[in-house]
Amino acid sequence: PLYTALVFAVFAIGHFFWDWWNYLVWFHLLVGRHT
């Protein structure tokens, strides 16, 4: 899944540099995971 891999890469890099825990809900929304 190309677009899912891109979302994962962006969030992994963003979390590494800027601690994106508050944006985790957006990650799940873009990946399509139901919590």
PDB file of all heavy atoms in Angstrom:
ATOM      1  N   PRO A   1       0.831  -1.209   0.000  1.00  0.00           N
ATOM      2  CA  PRO A   1       0.000   0.000   0.000  1.00  0.00           C
ATOM      3  C   PRO A   1       0.870   1.265   0.000  1.00  0.00           C
ATOM      4  O   PRO A   1       1.335   1.726   1.044  1.00  0.00           O
ATOM      5  CB  PRO A   1      -0.802  -0.133   1.286  1.00  0.00           C
ATOM      6  CG  PRO A   1       0.067  -0.955   2.181  1.00  0.00           C
ATOM      7  CD  PRO A   1       0.841  -1.884   1.282  1.00  0.00           C
ATOM      8  N   LEU A   2       1.110   1.818  -1.171  1.00  0.00           N
ATOM      9  CA  LEU A   2       2.035   2.938  -1.346  1.00  0.00           C
ATOM     10  C   LEU A   2       1.658   4.140  -0.491  1.00  0.00           C
ATOM     11  O   LEU A   2       2.502   4.687   0.224  1.00  0.00           O
ATOM     12  CB  LEU A   2       2.090   3.347  -2.819  1.00  0.00           C
ATOM     13  CG  LEU A   2       2.987   4.544  -3.132  1.00  0.00           C
ATOM     14  CD1 LEU A   2       4.444   4.204  -2.831  1.00  0.00           C
ATOM     15  CD2 LEU A   2       2.817   4.965  -4.575  1.00  0.00           C
ATOM     16  N   TYR A   3       0.407   4.578  -0.556  1.00  0.00           N
ATOM     17  CA  TYR A   3       0.021   5.776   0.185  1.00  0.00           C
ATOM     18  C   TYR A   3       0.074   5.539   1.696  1.00  0.00           C
ATOM     19  O   TYR A   3       0.432   6.441   2.449  1.00  0.00           O
ATOM     20  CB  TYR A   3      -1.356   6.257  -0.258  1.00  0.00           C
ATOM     21  CG  TYR A   3      -1.356   6.765  -1.687  1.00  0.00           C
ATOM     22  CD1 TYR A   3      -2.284   6.328  -2.615  1.00  0.00           C
ATOM     23  CD2 TYR A   3      -0.409   7.685  -2.107  1.00  0.00           C
ATOM     24  CE1 TYR A   3      -2.272   6.790  -3.909  1.00  0.00           C
ATOM     25  CE2 TYR A   3      -0.384   8.154  -3.411  1.00  0.00           C
ATOM     26  CZ  TYR A   3      -1.320   7.705  -4.305  1.00  0.00           C
ATOM     27  OH  TYR A   3      -1.299   8.158  -5.597  1.00  0.00           O
ATOM     28  N   THR A   4      -0.234   4.353   2.146  1.00  0.00           N
ATOM     29  CA  THR A   4      -0.112   4.032   3.568  1.00  0.00           C
ATOM     30  C   THR A   4       1.352   4.056   3.987  1.00  0.00           C
ATOM     31  O   THR A   4       1.688   4.548   5.070  1.00  0.00           O
ATOM     32  CB  THR A   4      -0.731   2.653   3.859  1.00  0.00           C
ATOM     33  OG1 THR A   4      -2.102   2.682   3.468  1.00  0.00           O
ATOM     34  CG2 THR A   4      -0.630   2.304   5.321  1.00  0.00           C
ATOM     35  N   ALA A   5       2.239   3.546   3.156  1.00  0.00           N
ATOM     36  CA  ALA A   5       3.677   3.572   3.457  1.00  0.00           C
ATOM     37  C   ALA A   5       4.187   5.009   3.534  1.00  0.00           C
ATOM     38  O   ALA A   5       5.014   5.334   4.390  1.00  0.00           O
ATOM     39  CB  ALA A   5       4.443   2.782   2.406  1.00  0.00           C
ATOM     40  N   LEU A   6       3.686   5.888   2.664  1.00  0.00           N
ATOM     41  CA  LEU A   6       4.083   7.290   2.701  1.00  0.00           C
ATOM     42  C   LEU A   6       3.595   7.982   3.977  1.00  0.00           C
ATOM     43  O   LEU A   6       4.341   8.738   4.607  1.00  0.00           O
ATOM     44  CB  LEU A   6       3.566   8.025   1.471  1.00  0.00           C
ATOM     45  CG  LEU A   6       4.213   7.658   0.154  1.00  0.00           C
ATOM     46  CD1 LEU A   6       3.511   8.356  -1.010  1.00  0.00           C
ATOM     47  CD2 LEU A   6       5.688   8.001   0.162  1.00  0.00           C
ATOM     48  N   VAL A   7       2.355   7.714   4.362  1.00  0.00           N
ATOM     49  CA  VAL A   7       1.825   8.285   5.615  1.00  0.00           C
ATOM     50  C   VAL A   7       2.650   7.789   6.789  1.00  0.00           C
ATOM     51  O   VAL A   7       3.016   8.562   7.676  1.00  0.00           O
ATOM     52  CB  VAL A   7       0.333   7.928   5.790  1.00  0.00           C
ATOM     53  CG1 VAL A   7      -0.157   8.229   7.199  1.00  0.00           C
ATOM     54  CG2 VAL A   7      -0.513   8.670   4.773  1.00  0.00           C
ATOM     55  N   PHE A   8       2.954   6.501   6.811  1.00  0.00           N
ATOM     56  CA  PHE A   8       3.757   5.936   7.892  1.00  0.00           C
ATOM     57  C   PHE A   8       5.131   6.600   7.953  1.00  0.00           C
ATOM     58  O   PHE A   8       5.607   6.968   9.029  1.00  0.00           O
ATOM     59  CB  PHE A   8       3.899   4.429   7.707  1.00  0.00           C
ATOM     60  CG  PHE A   8       4.667   3.773   8.811  1.00  0.00           C
ATOM     61  CD1 PHE A   8       4.049   3.458  10.007  1.00  0.00           C
ATOM     62  CD2 PHE A   8       6.014   3.495   8.659  1.00  0.00           C
ATOM     63  CE1 PHE A   8       4.758   2.871  11.041  1.00  0.00           C
ATOM     64  CE2 PHE A   8       6.732   2.903   9.687  1.00  0.00           C
ATOM     65  CZ  PHE A   8       6.100   2.587  10.881  1.00  0.00           C
ATOM     66  N   ALA A   9       5.781   6.785   6.803  1.00  0.00           N
ATOM     67  CA  ALA A   9       7.111   7.398   6.764  1.00  0.00           C
ATOM     68  C   ALA A   9       7.072   8.845   7.249  1.00  0.00           C
ATOM     69  O   ALA A   9       7.929   9.272   8.038  1.00  0.00           O
ATOM     70  CB  ALA A   9       7.681   7.325   5.347  1.00  0.00           C
ATOM     71  N   VAL A  10       6.079   9.604   6.808  1.00  0.00           N
ATOM     72  CA  VAL A  10       5.964  11.001   7.239  1.00  0.00           C
ATOM     73  C   VAL A  10       5.758  11.089   8.742  1.00  0.00           C
ATOM     74  O   VAL A  10       6.398  11.887   9.424  1.00  0.00           O
ATOM     75  CB  VAL A  10       4.821  11.709   6.472  1.00  0.00           C
ATOM     76  CG1 VAL A  10       4.456  13.038   7.131  1.00  0.00           C
ATOM     77  CG2 VAL A  10       5.202  11.914   5.015  1.00  0.00           C
ATOM     78  N   PHE A  11       4.877  10.253   9.285  1.00  0.00           N
ATOM     79  CA  PHE A  11       4.625  10.299  10.720  1.00  0.00           C
ATOM     80  C   PHE A  11       5.810   9.766  11.522  1.00  0.00           C
ATOM     81  O   PHE A  11       6.092  10.263  12.616  1.00  0.00           O
ATOM     82  CB  PHE A  11       3.345   9.557  11.073  1.00  0.00           C
ATOM     83  CG  PHE A  11       2.140  10.449  11.041  1.00  0.00           C
ATOM     84  CD1 PHE A  11       1.485  10.707   9.855  1.00  0.00           C
ATOM     85  CD2 PHE A  11       1.698  11.064  12.195  1.00  0.00           C
ATOM     86  CE1 PHE A  11       0.396  11.553   9.816  1.00  0.00           C
ATOM     87  CE2 PHE A  11       0.600  11.911  12.171  1.00  0.00           C
ATOM     88  CZ  PHE A  11      -0.048  12.157  10.970  1.00  0.00           C
ATOM     89  N   ALA A  12       6.514   8.792  11.018  1.00  0.00           N
ATOM     90  CA  ALA A  12       7.691   8.289  11.727  1.00  0.00           C
ATOM     91  C   ALA A  12       8.771   9.361  11.800  1.00  0.00           C
ATOM     92  O   ALA A  12       9.366   9.587  12.868  1.00  0.00           O
ATOM     93  CB  ALA A  12       8.234   7.032  11.040  1.00  0.00           C
ATOM     94  N   ILE A  13       9.007  10.047  10.703  1.00  0.00           N
ATOM     95  CA  ILE A  13       9.998  11.127  10.696  1.00  0.00           C
ATOM     96  C   ILE A  13       9.533  12.293  11.561  1.00  0.00           C
ATOM     97  O   ILE A  13      10.305  12.846  12.344  1.00  0.00           O
ATOM     98  CB  ILE A  13      10.278  11.584   9.248  1.00  0.00           C
ATOM     99  CG1 ILE A  13      11.003  10.477   8.487  1.00  0.00           C
ATOM    100  CG2 ILE A  13      11.092  12.871   9.219  1.00  0.00           C
ATOM    101  CD1 ILE A  13      11.060  10.671   6.992  1.00  0.00           C
ATOM    102  N   GLY A  14       8.260  12.651  11.436  1.00  0.00           N
ATOM    103  CA  GLY A  14       7.723  13.734  12.255  1.00  0.00           C
ATOM    104  C   GLY A  14       7.783  13.434  13.733  1.00  0.00           C
ATOM    105  O   GLY A  14       8.123  14.302  14.541  1.00  0.00           O
ATOM    106  N   HIS A  15       7.476  12.215  14.099  1.00  0.00           N
ATOM    107  CA  HIS A  15       7.534  11.840  15.514  1.00  0.00           C
ATOM    108  C   HIS A  15       8.977  11.811  16.013  1.00  0.00           C
ATOM    109  O   HIS A  15       9.249  12.202  17.148  1.00  0.00           O
ATOM    110  CB  HIS A  15       6.875  10.484  15.740  1.00  0.00           C
ATOM    111  CG  HIS A  15       6.888  10.063  17.172  1.00  0.00           C
ATOM    112  ND1 HIS A  15       6.170  10.717  18.133  1.00  0.00           N
ATOM    113  CD2 HIS A  15       7.557   9.077  17.803  1.00  0.00           C
ATOM    114  CE1 HIS A  15       6.392  10.150  19.311  1.00  0.00           C
ATOM    115  NE2 HIS A  15       7.229   9.149  19.130  1.00  0.00           N
ATOM    116  N   PHE A  16       9.888  11.393  15.182  1.00  0.00           N
ATOM    117  CA  PHE A  16      11.295  11.348  15.574  1.00  0.00           C
ATOM    118  C   PHE A  16      11.838  12.748  15.881  1.00  0.00           C
ATOM    119  O   PHE A  16      12.553  12.955  16.855  1.00  0.00           O
ATOM    120  CB  PHE A  16      12.130  10.684  14.476  1.00  0.00           C
ATOM    121  CG  PHE A  16      13.590  10.567  14.806  1.00  0.00           C
ATOM    122  CD1 PHE A  16      14.035   9.580  15.667  1.00  0.00           C
ATOM    123  CD2 PHE A  16      14.506  11.446  14.252  1.00  0.00           C
ATOM    124  CE1 PHE A  16      15.385   9.475  15.975  1.00  0.00           C
ATOM    125  CE2 PHE A  16      15.860  11.343  14.549  1.00  0.00           C
ATOM    126  CZ  PHE A  16      16.293  10.356  15.423  1.00  0.00           C
ATOM    127  N   PHE A  17      11.489  13.716  15.029  1.00  0.00           N
ATOM    128  CA  PHE A  17      12.021  15.070  15.199  1.00  0.00           C
ATOM    129  C   PHE A  17      11.174  15.973  16.093  1.00  0.00           C
ATOM    130  O   PHE A  17      11.698  16.838  16.782  1.00  0.00           O
ATOM    131  CB  PHE A  17      12.202  15.746  13.832  1.00  0.00           C
ATOM    132  CG  PHE A  17      13.354  15.199  13.055  1.00  0.00           C
ATOM    133  CD1 PHE A  17      13.137  14.419  11.934  1.00  0.00           C
ATOM    134  CD2 PHE A  17      14.656  15.453  13.440  1.00  0.00           C
ATOM    135  CE1 PHE A  17      14.191  13.906  11.203  1.00  0.00           C
ATOM    136  CE2 PHE A  17      15.733  14.947  12.724  1.00  0.00           C
ATOM    137  CZ  PHE A  17      15.493  14.175  11.599  1.00  0.00           C
ATOM    138  N   TRP A  18       9.831  15.798  16.078  1.00  0.00           N
ATOM    139  CA  TRP A  18       8.971  16.764  16.751  1.00  0.00           C
ATOM    140  C   TRP A  18       8.002  16.157  17.749  1.00  0.00           C
ATOM    141  O   TRP A  18       7.100  16.844  18.217  1.00  0.00           O
ATOM    142  CB  TRP A  18       8.188  17.575  15.719  1.00  0.00           C
ATOM    143  CG  TRP A  18       9.082  18.318  14.791  1.00  0.00           C
ATOM    144  CD1 TRP A  18       9.891  19.371  15.096  1.00  0.00           C
ATOM    145  CD2 TRP A  18       9.288  18.053  13.413  1.00  0.00           C
ATOM    146  NE1 TRP A  18      10.574  19.780  13.994  1.00  0.00           N
ATOM    147  CE2 TRP A  18      10.228  18.984  12.932  1.00  0.00           C
ATOM    148  CE3 TRP A  18       8.760  17.119  12.512  1.00  0.00           C
ATOM    149  CZ2 TRP A  18      10.645  19.014  11.621  1.00  0.00           C
ATOM    150  CZ3 TRP A  18       9.187  17.157  11.203  1.00  0.00           C
ATOM    151  CH2 TRP A  18      10.117  18.088  10.775  1.00  0.00           C
ATOM    152  N   ASP A  19       8.137  14.895  18.077  1.00  0.00           N
ATOM    153  CA  ASP A  19       7.284  14.246  19.079  1.00  0.00           C
ATOM    154  C   ASP A  19       5.796  14.449  18.768  1.00  0.00           C
ATOM    155  O   ASP A  19       5.090  15.194  19.438  1.00  0.00           O
ATOM    156  CB  ASP A  19       7.621  14.783  20.483  1.00  0.00           C
ATOM    157  CG  ASP A  19       6.983  13.941  21.569  1.00  0.00           C
ATOM    158  OD1 ASP A  19       6.756  12.736  21.340  1.00  0.00           O
ATOM    159  OD2 ASP A  19       6.708  14.491  22.650  1.00  0.00           O
ATOM    160  N   TRP A  20       5.316  13.755  17.756  1.00  0.00           N
ATOM    161  CA  TRP A  20       3.958  13.929  17.257  1.00  0.00           C
ATOM    162  C   TRP A  20       2.919  13.055  17.962  1.00  0.00           C
ATOM    163  O   TRP A  20       1.950  12.633  17.351  1.00  0.00           O
ATOM    164  CB  TRP A  20       3.912  13.631  15.763  1.00  0.00           C
ATOM    165  CG  TRP A  20       4.379  14.759  14.909  1.00  0.00           C
ATOM    166  CD1 TRP A  20       4.933  15.926  15.302  1.00  0.00           C
ATOM    167  CD2 TRP A  20       4.320  14.811  13.485  1.00  0.00           C
ATOM    168  NE1 TRP A  20       5.233  16.706  14.230  1.00  0.00           N
ATOM    169  CE2 TRP A  20       4.877  16.050  13.101  1.00  0.00           C
ATOM    170  CE3 TRP A  20       3.871  13.933  12.511  1.00  0.00           C
ATOM    171  CZ2 TRP A  20       4.968  16.426  11.768  1.00  0.00           C
ATOM    172  CZ3 TRP A  20       3.983  14.307  11.200  1.00  0.00           C
ATOM    173  CH2 TRP A  20       4.519  15.542  10.823  1.00  0.00           C
ATOM    174  N   TRP A  21       3.041  12.810  19.245  1.00  0.00           N
ATOM    175  CA  TRP A  21       2.047  11.985  19.944  1.00  0.00           C
ATOM    176  C   TRP A  21       0.657  12.601  19.870  1.00  0.00           C
ATOM    177  O   TRP A  21      -0.343  11.890  19.802  1.00  0.00           O
ATOM    178  CB  TRP A  21       2.437  11.765  21.399  1.00  0.00           C
ATOM    179  CG  TRP A  21       3.385  10.645  21.579  1.00  0.00           C
ATOM    180  CD1 TRP A  21       4.684  10.737  21.981  1.00  0.00           C
ATOM    181  CD2 TRP A  21       3.144   9.258  21.338  1.00  0.00           C
ATOM    182  NE1 TRP A  21       5.266   9.497  22.002  1.00  0.00           N
ATOM    183  CE2 TRP A  21       4.341   8.567  21.615  1.00  0.00           C
ATOM    184  CE3 TRP A  21       2.050   8.529  20.900  1.00  0.00           C
ATOM    185  CZ2 TRP A  21       4.457   7.196  21.483  1.00  0.00           C
ATOM    186  CZ3 TRP A  21       2.169   7.164  20.768  1.00  0.00           C
ATOM    187  CH2 TRP A  21       3.366   6.508  21.058  1.00  0.00           C
ATOM    188  N   ASN A  22       0.568  13.926  19.895  1.00  0.00           N
ATOM    189  CA  ASN A  22      -0.742  14.588  19.855  1.00  0.00           C
ATOM    190  C   ASN A  22      -1.434  14.439  18.507  1.00  0.00           C
ATOM    191  O   ASN A  22      -2.632  14.659  18.399  1.00  0.00           O
ATOM    192  CB  ASN A  22      -0.599  16.074  20.187  1.00  0.00           C
ATOM    193  CG  ASN A  22      -0.172  16.291  21.617  1.00  0.00           C
ATOM    194  OD1 ASN A  22      -0.419  15.452  22.479  1.00  0.00           O
ATOM    195  ND2 ASN A  22       0.481  17.412  21.870  1.00  0.00           N
ATOM    196  N   TYR A  23      -0.690  14.078  17.481  1.00  0.00           N
ATOM    197  CA  TYR A  23      -1.256  13.930  16.143  1.00  0.00           C
ATOM    198  C   TYR A  23      -1.478  12.466  15.753  1.00  0.00           C
ATOM    199  O   TYR A  23      -1.766  12.168  14.600  1.00  0.00           O
ATOM    200  CB  TYR A  23      -0.340  14.599  15.112  1.00  0.00           C
ATOM    201  CG  TYR A  23      -0.119  16.056  15.409  1.00  0.00           C
ATOM    202  CD1 TYR A  23       1.088  16.503  15.936  1.00  0.00           C
ATOM    203  CD2 TYR A  23      -1.127  16.979  15.194  1.00  0.00           C
ATOM    204  CE1 TYR A  23       1.290  17.843  16.225  1.00  0.00           C
ATOM    205  CE2 TYR A  23      -0.943  18.327  15.479  1.00  0.00           C
ATOM    206  CZ  TYR A  23       0.270  18.746  15.996  1.00  0.00           C
ATOM    207  OH  TYR A  23       0.454  20.063  16.283  1.00  0.00           O
ATOM    208  N   LEU A  24      -1.383  11.587  16.711  1.00  0.00           N
ATOM    209  CA  LEU A  24      -1.543  10.160  16.428  1.00  0.00           C
ATOM    210  C   LEU A  24      -2.932   9.845  15.878  1.00  0.00           C
ATOM    211  O   LEU A  24      -3.088   8.947  15.055  1.00  0.00           O
ATOM    212  CB  LEU A  24      -1.255   9.344  17.683  1.00  0.00           C
ATOM    213  CG  LEU A  24      -1.008   7.862  17.498  1.00  0.00           C
ATOM    214  CD1 LEU A  24       0.166   7.641  16.547  1.00  0.00           C
ATOM    215  CD2 LEU A  24      -0.728   7.199  18.825  1.00  0.00           C
ATOM    216  N   VAL A  25      -3.931  10.583  16.310  1.00  0.00           N
ATOM    217  CA  VAL A  25      -5.278  10.370  15.793  1.00  0.00           C
ATOM    218  C   VAL A  25      -5.332  10.635  14.284  1.00  0.00           C
ATOM    219  O   VAL A  25      -6.043   9.953  13.548  1.00  0.00           O
ATOM    220  CB  VAL A  25      -6.319  11.223  16.555  1.00  0.00           C
ATOM    221  CG1 VAL A  25      -6.125  12.698  16.301  1.00  0.00           C
ATOM    222  CG2 VAL A  25      -7.720  10.791  16.196  1.00  0.00           C
ATOM    223  N   TRP A  26      -4.555  11.604  13.791  1.00  0.00           N
ATOM    224  CA  TRP A  26      -4.495  11.872  12.350  1.00  0.00           C
ATOM    225  C   TRP A  26      -3.814  10.731  11.599  1.00  0.00           C
ATOM    226  O   TRP A  26      -4.201  10.400  10.476  1.00  0.00           O
ATOM    227  CB  TRP A  26      -3.768  13.186  12.073  1.00  0.00           C
ATOM    228  CG  TRP A  26      -4.614  14.353  12.467  1.00  0.00           C
ATOM    229  CD1 TRP A  26      -4.516  15.084  13.612  1.00  0.00           C
ATOM    230  CD2 TRP A  26      -5.716  14.875  11.741  1.00  0.00           C
ATOM    231  NE1 TRP A  26      -5.484  16.044  13.629  1.00  0.00           N
ATOM    232  CE2 TRP A  26      -6.237  15.943  12.482  1.00  0.00           C
ATOM    233  CE3 TRP A  26      -6.304  14.550  10.523  1.00  0.00           C
ATOM    234  CZ2 TRP A  26      -7.315  16.684  12.058  1.00  0.00           C
ATOM    235  CZ3 TRP A  26      -7.381  15.292  10.097  1.00  0.00           C
ATOM    236  CH2 TRP A  26      -7.876  16.348  10.856  1.00  0.00           C
ATOM    237  N   PHE A  27      -2.806  10.158  12.228  1.00  0.00           N
ATOM    238  CA  PHE A  27      -2.157   8.985  11.631  1.00  0.00           C
ATOM    239  C   PHE A  27      -3.172   7.868  11.426  1.00  0.00           C
ATOM    240  O   PHE A  27      -3.278   7.299  10.344  1.00  0.00           O
ATOM    241  CB  PHE A  27      -1.004   8.512  12.513  1.00  0.00           C
ATOM    242  CG  PHE A  27      -0.420   7.200  12.079  1.00  0.00           C
ATOM    243  CD1 PHE A  27       0.445   7.136  11.007  1.00  0.00           C
ATOM    244  CD2 PHE A  27      -0.743   6.027  12.747  1.00  0.00           C
ATOM    245  CE1 PHE A  27       0.982   5.930  10.594  1.00  0.00           C
ATOM    246  CE2 PHE A  27      -0.217   4.822  12.349  1.00  0.00           C
ATOM    247  CZ  PHE A  27       0.650   4.767  11.264  1.00  0.00           C
ATOM    248  N   HIS A  28      -3.935   7.578  12.463  1.00  0.00           N
ATOM    249  CA  HIS A  28      -4.937   6.507  12.368  1.00  0.00           C
ATOM    250  C   HIS A  28      -6.022   6.852  11.346  1.00  0.00           C
ATOM    251  O   HIS A  28      -6.497   5.971  10.621  1.00  0.00           O
ATOM    252  CB  HIS A  28      -5.552   6.232  13.735  1.00  0.00           C
ATOM    253  CG  HIS A  28      -4.612   5.572  14.679  1.00  0.00           C
ATOM    254  ND1 HIS A  28      -4.299   4.244  14.602  1.00  0.00           N
ATOM    255  CD2 HIS A  28      -3.888   6.056  15.709  1.00  0.00           C
ATOM    256  CE1 HIS A  28      -3.433   3.932  15.544  1.00  0.00           C
ATOM    257  NE2 HIS A  28      -3.172   5.028  16.227  1.00  0.00           N
ATOM    258  N   LEU A  29      -6.403   8.118  11.279  1.00  0.00           N
ATOM    259  CA  LEU A  29      -7.398   8.531  10.299  1.00  0.00           C
ATOM    260  C   LEU A  29      -6.884   8.340   8.872  1.00  0.00           C
ATOM    261  O   LEU A  29      -7.583   7.801   8.017  1.00  0.00           O
ATOM    262  CB  LEU A  29      -7.770  10.000  10.521  1.00  0.00           C
ATOM    263  CG  LEU A  29      -8.767  10.570   9.518  1.00  0.00           C
ATOM    264  CD1 LEU A  29     -10.150  10.004   9.787  1.00  0.00           C
ATOM    265  CD2 LEU A  29      -8.777  12.077   9.593  1.00  0.00           C
ATOM    266  N   LEU A  30      -5.647   8.749   8.613  1.00  0.00           N
ATOM    267  CA  LEU A  30      -5.093   8.644   7.266  1.00  0.00           C
ATOM    268  C   LEU A  30      -4.773   7.212   6.855  1.00  0.00           C
ATOM    269  O   LEU A  30      -4.899   6.855   5.686  1.00  0.00           O
ATOM    270  CB  LEU A  30      -3.840   9.518   7.155  1.00  0.00           C
ATOM    271  CG  LEU A  30      -4.101  11.023   7.234  1.00  0.00           C
ATOM    272  CD1 LEU A  30      -2.789  11.780   7.323  1.00  0.00           C
ATOM    273  CD2 LEU A  30      -4.914  11.487   6.039  1.00  0.00           C
ATOM    274  N   VAL A  31      -4.379   6.396   7.819  1.00  0.00           N
ATOM    275  CA  VAL A  31      -4.075   4.996   7.508  1.00  0.00           C
ATOM    276  C   VAL A  31      -5.365   4.194   7.369  1.00  0.00           C
ATOM    277  O   VAL A  31      -5.425   3.213   6.640  1.00  0.00           O
ATOM    278  CB  VAL A  31      -3.141   4.399   8.583  1.00  0.00           C
ATOM    279  CG1 VAL A  31      -3.029   2.900   8.453  1.00  0.00           C
ATOM    280  CG2 VAL A  31      -1.780   5.030   8.486  1.00  0.00           C
ATOM    281  N   GLY A  32      -6.394   4.620   8.072  1.00  0.00           N
ATOM    282  CA  GLY A  32      -7.672   3.933   7.975  1.00  0.00           C
ATOM    283  C   GLY A  32      -7.880   2.897   9.049  1.00  0.00           C
ATOM    284  O   GLY A  32      -8.711   2.013   8.926  1.00  0.00           O
ATOM    285  N   ARG A  33      -7.117   2.978  10.101  1.00  0.00           N
ATOM    286  CA  ARG A  33      -7.263   2.007  11.189  1.00  0.00           C
ATOM    287  C   ARG A  33      -8.382   2.457  12.099  1.00  0.00           C
ATOM    288  O   ARG A  33      -8.454   3.596  12.518  1.00  0.00           O
ATOM    289  CB  ARG A  33      -5.961   1.926  11.988  1.00  0.00           C
ATOM    290  CG  ARG A  33      -6.051   0.942  13.098  1.00  0.00           C
ATOM    291  CD  ARG A  33      -4.697   0.718  13.725  1.00  0.00           C
ATOM    292  NE  ARG A  33      -4.831  -0.274  14.757  1.00  0.00           N
ATOM    293  CZ  ARG A  33      -4.499  -0.036  16.012  1.00  0.00           C
ATOM    294  NH1 ARG A  33      -3.991   1.105  16.376  1.00  0.00           N
ATOM    295  NH2 ARG A  33      -4.647  -0.981  16.904  1.00  0.00           N
ATOM    296  N   HIS A  34      -9.236   1.532  12.436  1.00  0.00           N
ATOM    297  CA  HIS A  34     -10.333   1.813  13.362  1.00  0.00           C
ATOM    298  C   HIS A  34      -9.884   1.428  14.764  1.00  0.00           C
ATOM    299  O   HIS A  34      -9.452   0.324  15.003  1.00  0.00           O
ATOM    300  CB  HIS A  34     -11.575   1.018  12.983  1.00  0.00           C
ATOM    301  CG  HIS A  34     -12.056   1.341  11.612  1.00  0.00           C
ATOM    302  ND1 HIS A  34     -12.763   2.480  11.335  1.00  0.00           N
ATOM    303  CD2 HIS A  34     -11.913   0.709  10.434  1.00  0.00           C
ATOM    304  CE1 HIS A  34     -13.054   2.521  10.063  1.00  0.00           C
ATOM    305  NE2 HIS A  34     -12.544   1.454   9.476  1.00  0.00           N
ATOM    306  N   THR A  35     -10.004   2.391  15.660  1.00  0.00           N
ATOM    307  CA  THR A  35      -9.623   2.139  17.037  1.00  0.00           C
ATOM    308  C   THR A  35     -10.888   1.985  17.863  1.00  0.00           C
ATOM    309  O   THR A  35     -11.799   2.789  17.776  1.00  0.00           O
ATOM    310  CB  THR A  35      -8.772   3.305  17.589  1.00  0.00           C
ATOM    311  OG1 THR A  35      -7.670   3.491  16.736  1.00  0.00           O
ATOM    312  CG2 THR A  35      -8.294   3.011  18.996  1.00  0.00           C
TER     313      THR A  35
END
